[in-house]
Amino acid sequence: MSSNKLTVVANIHAKADQVELVKAELEKLIDITRAEKGCINYDLHQDNEDPAHFLFFENWETRELWEEHMKAKHLADYLTATEGAVADFTIHEMSQIG
């Protein structure tokens, strides 16, 4: 198994009238994801100036374990629950260099 840790930064921008729905659905992901194999940390943040902007900062033991997370039922449930409520979503896979 690869020993290269993967850092993921996920930016979620809710539609202005859907902020509370998206926030509630994102919060549901935290405990279940933190319990997943390979999850080092899974931290949700909300922008102080733009409450519609959420950011997950995640670290995973390997990219393969993160890929398993991305196939999880709770993520599919989140996507269903927030369909039409998210304006923009980006994922950045990062490697720590220092």
Protein backbone atom coordinates (compact mmCIF):
# COMPACT_ATOMS: atom_id res chain seq x y z
CA MET A 1 0.00 0.00 0.00
CA SER A 2 1.22 3.48 -0.85
CA SER A 3 2.63 5.51 2.02
CA ASN A 4 1.83 8.83 0.37
CA LYS A 5 -0.68 10.74 2.44
CA LEU A 6 -3.30 12.65 0.46
CA THR A 7 -4.64 16.04 1.47
CA VAL A 8 -7.97 17.05 -0.03
CA VAL A 9 -9.41 20.55 -0.04
CA ALA A 10 -13.06 20.61 -1.09
CA ASN A 11 -14.84 23.92 -1.67
CA ILE A 12 -18.62 23.93 -1.61
CA HIS A 13 -20.59 27.06 -2.45
CA ALA A 14 -24.26 26.84 -1.52
CA LYS A 15 -26.90 28.85 -3.31
CA ALA A 16 -27.75 31.90 -1.19
CA ASP A 17 -31.19 30.60 -0.19
CA GLN A 18 -29.90 27.07 0.56
CA VAL A 19 -27.07 27.76 3.03
CA GLU A 20 -28.72 26.13 6.07
CA LEU A 21 -29.75 23.01 4.13
CA VAL A 22 -26.26 22.51 2.70
CA LYS A 23 -24.64 23.16 6.08
CA ALA A 24 -26.87 20.62 7.82
CA GLU A 25 -26.17 17.98 5.16
CA LEU A 26 -22.41 18.62 5.28
CA GLU A 27 -22.41 18.29 9.07
CA LYS A 28 -24.02 14.83 8.73
CA LEU A 29 -20.90 13.66 6.86
CA ILE A 30 -18.38 14.48 9.60
CA ASP A 31 -18.67 11.70 12.18
CA ILE A 32 -19.35 8.90 9.71
CA THR A 33 -16.40 9.95 7.53
CA ARG A 34 -14.03 10.36 10.47
CA ALA A 35 -14.76 6.72 11.35
CA GLU A 36 -13.80 5.50 7.87
CA LYS A 37 -10.64 3.49 7.28
CA GLY A 38 -7.77 5.78 6.29
CA CYS A 39 -9.31 9.06 7.44
CA ILE A 40 -6.74 11.08 9.40
CA ASN A 41 -8.85 14.22 9.67
CA TYR A 42 -12.02 15.57 8.06
CA ASP A 43 -12.65 19.14 9.13
CA LEU A 44 -15.52 21.35 7.93
CA HIS A 45 -15.13 25.13 7.82
CA GLN A 46 -17.52 27.97 6.98
CA ASP A 47 -16.23 31.27 5.58
CA ASN A 48 -16.57 34.15 8.06
CA GLU A 49 -17.30 36.68 5.30
CA ASP A 50 -19.36 34.44 2.99
CA PRO A 51 -21.54 31.97 4.91
CA ALA A 52 -22.48 30.20 1.66
CA HIS A 53 -18.85 29.02 1.26
CA PHE A 54 -17.87 25.80 3.01
CA LEU A 55 -14.51 24.06 2.94
CA PHE A 56 -13.54 20.54 3.91
CA PHE A 57 -9.88 20.07 4.84
CA GLU A 58 -9.14 16.35 4.77
CA ASN A 59 -6.13 14.10 5.18
CA TRP A 60 -6.17 10.46 4.13
CA GLU A 61 -3.60 7.71 4.58
CA THR A 62 -3.67 7.00 0.82
CA ARG A 63 -5.46 8.17 -2.31
CA GLU A 64 -6.98 4.69 -2.65
CA LEU A 65 -8.70 4.98 0.74
CA TRP A 66 -9.99 8.45 -0.20
CA GLU A 67 -11.37 6.98 -3.43
CA GLU A 68 -13.27 4.40 -1.36
CA HIS A 69 -14.70 7.27 0.71
CA MET A 70 -15.89 8.99 -2.46
CA LYS A 71 -17.98 5.89 -3.32
CA ALA A 72 -19.64 5.73 0.13
CA LYS A 73 -23.41 5.69 0.52
CA HIS A 74 -23.40 8.71 2.83
CA LEU A 75 -21.84 10.82 0.06
CA ALA A 76 -24.46 9.64 -2.42
CA ASP A 77 -27.14 10.52 0.13
CA TYR A 78 -25.60 14.00 0.55
CA LEU A 79 -25.63 14.57 -3.22
CA THR A 80 -29.29 13.56 -3.39
CA ALA A 81 -30.27 15.76 -0.43
CA THR A 82 -28.47 18.84 -1.81
CA GLU A 83 -29.36 18.45 -5.48
CA GLY A 84 -29.99 21.93 -6.88
CA ALA A 85 -28.78 23.61 -3.66
CA VAL A 86 -25.05 23.82 -4.47
CA ALA A 87 -23.87 26.56 -6.84
CA ASP A 88 -20.27 25.38 -7.18
CA PHE A 89 -18.10 22.49 -5.97
CA THR A 90 -14.38 21.93 -6.47
CA ILE A 91 -11.94 19.35 -5.14
CA HIS A 92 -8.19 19.83 -4.97
CA GLU A 93 -5.92 16.85 -4.30
CA MET A 94 -2.79 18.09 -2.57
CA SER A 95 0.53 16.74 -1.31
CA GLN A 96 2.16 18.23 1.75
CA ILE A 97 5.66 19.47 0.90
CA GLY A 98 6.75 21.06 4.14
